[in-house]
Amino acid sequence: MNLIINILIAFVAFLHLYFLYFEMFAWTTKGPKIFRNFPKDLFEPTKSMAANQGLYNGFLAAGLIWTFFISNAIWKDNVALFFLGCVVVAGIYGSISVSKKIFIIQGLPALITILLILFS
C-alpha cells in the first residue's frame, strides 16, 4: 500500500511540476495550443499572472516531494495530507470557476491518495 501511495504522491507532485513549467515558462508558446477558447491576444498580457500561478503549483510540488525525505511515518502522512488537501481544494475551486476537467486531472488523484493514506 505504501508503494501505491508513494507513486500517487509522486504523480501529483509531477503534475504540479509540469503546471509550474507550463505556467511560468511556456504560457505564451504552448498556452494558445492548449487553451483554444482563451483569446490569443491575452496570453502575453497574462504572462506574469500565469507565472504567479505556476509558482504556487511549484510550492505544492515541493511540499509533496518533501514527504519523501521525512522518516517519521506520522509526520510524513500529515505533511502529505496537508499538501494533498491543498491540491483537492484547488481542484474543487478550479472545477467551479473554470472547468470540471480541472478536478478530474488535479483534484481526483490527490483525493484518492488522501483516502489511501487515511485508510492504510
C-alpha atoms as a PDB file:
ATOM      1  CA  MET A   1       0.000   0.000   0.000  1.00  0.00           C
ATOM      2  CA  ASN A   2       2.840   2.391   0.836  1.00  0.00           C
ATOM      3  CA  LEU A   3       4.303   1.897  -2.631  1.00  0.00           C
ATOM      4  CA  ILE A   4       0.986   2.843  -4.276  1.00  0.00           C
ATOM      5  CA  ILE A   5       0.661   5.891  -2.019  1.00  0.00           C
ATOM      6  CA  ASN A   6       4.214   6.982  -2.834  1.00  0.00           C
ATOM      7  CA  ILE A   7       3.604   6.535  -6.557  1.00  0.00           C
ATOM      8  CA  LEU A   8       0.439   8.628  -6.341  1.00  0.00           C
ATOM      9  CA  ILE A   9       2.170  11.354  -4.303  1.00  0.00           C
ATOM     10  CA  ALA A  10       4.957  11.420  -6.899  1.00  0.00           C
ATOM     11  CA  PHE A  11       2.364  11.583  -9.702  1.00  0.00           C
ATOM     12  CA  VAL A  12       0.557  14.554  -8.111  1.00  0.00           C
ATOM     13  CA  ALA A  13       3.916  16.270  -7.478  1.00  0.00           C
ATOM     14  CA  PHE A  14       4.942  15.654 -11.094  1.00  0.00           C
ATOM     15  CA  LEU A  15       1.676  17.155 -12.343  1.00  0.00           C
ATOM     16  CA  HIS A  16       2.332  20.291 -10.333  1.00  0.00           C
ATOM     17  CA  LEU A  17       5.918  20.499 -11.574  1.00  0.00           C
ATOM     18  CA  TYR A  18       4.504  20.344 -15.092  1.00  0.00           C
ATOM     19  CA  PHE A  19       1.977  23.074 -14.231  1.00  0.00           C
ATOM     20  CA  LEU A  20       4.890  25.160 -12.880  1.00  0.00           C
ATOM     21  CA  TYR A  21       6.809  24.708 -16.127  1.00  0.00           C
ATOM     22  CA  PHE A  22       3.807  25.367 -18.320  1.00  0.00           C
ATOM     23  CA  GLU A  23       2.554  28.461 -16.483  1.00  0.00           C
ATOM     24  CA  MET A  24       5.968  30.003 -15.804  1.00  0.00           C
ATOM     25  CA  PHE A  25       7.873  29.184 -18.977  1.00  0.00           C
ATOM     26  CA  ALA A  26       5.511  28.029 -21.745  1.00  0.00           C
ATOM     27  CA  TRP A  27       2.390  30.146 -21.203  1.00  0.00           C
ATOM     28  CA  THR A  28       2.772  32.205 -24.369  1.00  0.00           C
ATOM     29  CA  THR A  29       4.159  29.411 -26.563  1.00  0.00           C
ATOM     30  CA  LYS A  30       2.159  26.297 -25.631  1.00  0.00           C
ATOM     31  CA  GLY A  31      -0.770  28.060 -23.966  1.00  0.00           C
ATOM     32  CA  PRO A  32      -2.594  29.063 -27.157  1.00  0.00           C
ATOM     33  CA  LYS A  33      -2.404  25.459 -28.404  1.00  0.00           C
ATOM     34  CA  ILE A  34      -3.870  24.037 -25.187  1.00  0.00           C
ATOM     35  CA  PHE A  35      -6.386  26.736 -24.257  1.00  0.00           C
ATOM     36  CA  ARG A  36      -8.067  27.275 -27.607  1.00  0.00           C
ATOM     37  CA  ASN A  37     -11.077  29.079 -26.088  1.00  0.00           C
ATOM     38  CA  PHE A  38      -8.844  31.694 -24.433  1.00  0.00           C
ATOM     39  CA  PRO A  39      -8.287  34.713 -26.730  1.00  0.00           C
ATOM     40  CA  LYS A  40      -4.786  34.514 -28.216  1.00  0.00           C
ATOM     41  CA  ASP A  41      -4.152  38.194 -27.680  1.00  0.00           C
ATOM     42  CA  LEU A  42      -4.494  37.743 -23.882  1.00  0.00           C
ATOM     43  CA  PHE A  43      -1.636  35.287 -23.390  1.00  0.00           C
ATOM     44  CA  GLU A  44       1.100  37.918 -23.390  1.00  0.00           C
ATOM     45  CA  PRO A  45      -0.726  40.319 -21.011  1.00  0.00           C
ATOM     46  CA  THR A  46      -1.492  37.463 -18.594  1.00  0.00           C
ATOM     47  CA  LYS A  47       2.030  36.006 -18.667  1.00  0.00           C
ATOM     48  CA  SER A  48       3.014  37.313 -15.215  1.00  0.00           C
ATOM     49  CA  MET A  49      -0.297  36.177 -13.695  1.00  0.00           C
ATOM     50  CA  ALA A  50       0.198  32.675 -15.115  1.00  0.00           C
ATOM     51  CA  ALA A  51       3.782  32.650 -13.807  1.00  0.00           C
ATOM     52  CA  ASN A  52       2.472  33.514 -10.345  1.00  0.00           C
ATOM     53  CA  GLN A  53       0.073  30.560 -10.533  1.00  0.00           C
ATOM     54  CA  GLY A  54       2.943  28.374 -11.677  1.00  0.00           C
ATOM     55  CA  LEU A  55       4.974  29.397  -8.655  1.00  0.00           C
ATOM     56  CA  TYR A  56       2.159  28.307  -6.346  1.00  0.00           C
ATOM     57  CA  ASN A  57       1.993  24.972  -8.151  1.00  0.00           C
ATOM     58  CA  GLY A  58       5.712  24.647  -7.565  1.00  0.00           C
ATOM     59  CA  PHE A  59       5.182  25.139  -3.840  1.00  0.00           C
ATOM     60  CA  LEU A  60       2.595  22.343  -3.840  1.00  0.00           C
ATOM     61  CA  ALA A  61       5.023  20.067  -5.677  1.00  0.00           C
ATOM     62  CA  ALA A  62       7.829  20.967  -3.251  1.00  0.00           C
ATOM     63  CA  GLY A  63       5.647  20.108  -0.275  1.00  0.00           C
ATOM     64  CA  LEU A  64       4.736  16.751  -1.765  1.00  0.00           C
ATOM     65  CA  ILE A  65       8.345  15.979  -2.687  1.00  0.00           C
ATOM     66  CA  TRP A  66       9.356  16.928   0.862  1.00  0.00           C
ATOM     67  CA  THR A  67       7.333  13.964   2.147  1.00  0.00           C
ATOM     68  CA  PHE A  68       9.859  11.575   0.580  1.00  0.00           C
ATOM     69  CA  PHE A  69      12.539  12.936   2.916  1.00  0.00           C
ATOM     70  CA  ILE A  70      10.561  12.597   6.157  1.00  0.00           C
ATOM     71  CA  SER A  71      11.424   9.435   8.074  1.00  0.00           C
ATOM     72  CA  ASN A  72       8.708   9.664  10.749  1.00  0.00           C
ATOM     73  CA  ALA A  73       5.618   7.948   9.257  1.00  0.00           C
ATOM     74  CA  ILE A  74       3.062  10.048  11.153  1.00  0.00           C
ATOM     75  CA  TRP A  75       4.772  13.321  10.292  1.00  0.00           C
ATOM     76  CA  LYS A  76       5.132  12.211   6.647  1.00  0.00           C
ATOM     77  CA  ASP A  77       1.430  11.355   6.427  1.00  0.00           C
ATOM     78  CA  ASN A  78       0.407  14.670   7.999  1.00  0.00           C
ATOM     79  CA  VAL A  79       2.550  16.717   5.628  1.00  0.00           C
ATOM     80  CA  ALA A  80       1.286  14.699   2.659  1.00  0.00           C
ATOM     81  CA  LEU A  81      -2.334  15.118   3.790  1.00  0.00           C
ATOM     82  CA  PHE A  82      -1.884  18.880   4.120  1.00  0.00           C
ATOM     83  CA  PHE A  83      -0.419  19.386   0.642  1.00  0.00           C
ATOM     84  CA  LEU A  84      -2.787  16.873  -0.986  1.00  0.00           C
ATOM     85  CA  GLY A  85      -5.668  18.680   0.741  1.00  0.00           C
ATOM     86  CA  CYS A  86      -4.458  21.963  -0.777  1.00  0.00           C
ATOM     87  CA  VAL A  87      -4.463  20.302  -4.198  1.00  0.00           C
ATOM     88  CA  VAL A  88      -8.009  18.987  -3.693  1.00  0.00           C
ATOM     89  CA  VAL A  89      -9.254  22.440  -2.658  1.00  0.00           C
ATOM     90  CA  ALA A  90      -7.556  23.995  -5.688  1.00  0.00           C
ATOM     91  CA  GLY A  91      -9.110  21.320  -7.900  1.00  0.00           C
ATOM     92  CA  ILE A  92     -12.573  21.977  -6.488  1.00  0.00           C
ATOM     93  CA  TYR A  93     -12.204  25.722  -6.921  1.00  0.00           C
ATOM     94  CA  GLY A  94     -10.883  25.270 -10.455  1.00  0.00           C
ATOM     95  CA  SER A  95     -13.759  22.990 -11.372  1.00  0.00           C
ATOM     96  CA  ILE A  96     -16.277  25.549 -10.120  1.00  0.00           C
ATOM     97  CA  SER A  97     -14.621  28.626 -11.595  1.00  0.00           C
ATOM     98  CA  VAL A  98     -13.014  27.353 -14.808  1.00  0.00           C
ATOM     99  CA  SER A  99     -13.665  23.757 -15.932  1.00  0.00           C
ATOM    100  CA  LYS A 100     -14.848  20.473 -14.444  1.00  0.00           C
ATOM    101  CA  LYS A 101     -11.800  18.819 -16.038  1.00  0.00           C
ATOM    102  CA  ILE A 102      -9.561  20.559 -13.505  1.00  0.00           C
ATOM    103  CA  PHE A 103     -10.958  18.486 -10.659  1.00  0.00           C
ATOM    104  CA  ILE A 104     -10.583  15.260 -12.624  1.00  0.00           C
ATOM    105  CA  ILE A 105      -6.972  15.986 -13.625  1.00  0.00           C
ATOM    106  CA  GLN A 106      -5.791  17.727 -10.460  1.00  0.00           C
ATOM    107  CA  GLY A 107      -8.139  17.029  -7.564  1.00  0.00           C
ATOM    108  CA  LEU A 108      -9.173  13.423  -8.086  1.00  0.00           C
ATOM    109  CA  PRO A 109      -5.681  11.874  -7.920  1.00  0.00           C
ATOM    110  CA  ALA A 110      -4.991  13.883  -4.755  1.00  0.00           C
ATOM    111  CA  LEU A 111      -8.322  12.850  -3.233  1.00  0.00           C
ATOM    112  CA  ILE A 112      -7.678   9.167  -3.982  1.00  0.00           C
ATOM    113  CA  THR A 113      -4.242   9.481  -2.384  1.00  0.00           C
ATOM    114  CA  ILE A 114      -5.743  11.120   0.720  1.00  0.00           C
ATOM    115  CA  LEU A 115      -8.236   8.267   1.075  1.00  0.00           C
ATOM    116  CA  LEU A 116      -5.488   5.666   0.691  1.00  0.00           C
ATOM    117  CA  ILE A 117      -3.375   7.389   3.363  1.00  0.00           C
ATOM    118  CA  LEU A 118      -6.310   7.627   5.754  1.00  0.00           C
ATOM    119  CA  PHE A 119      -7.351   4.002   5.317  1.00  0.00           C
ATOM    120  CA  SER A 120      -3.881   2.422   5.248  1.00  0.00           C
END
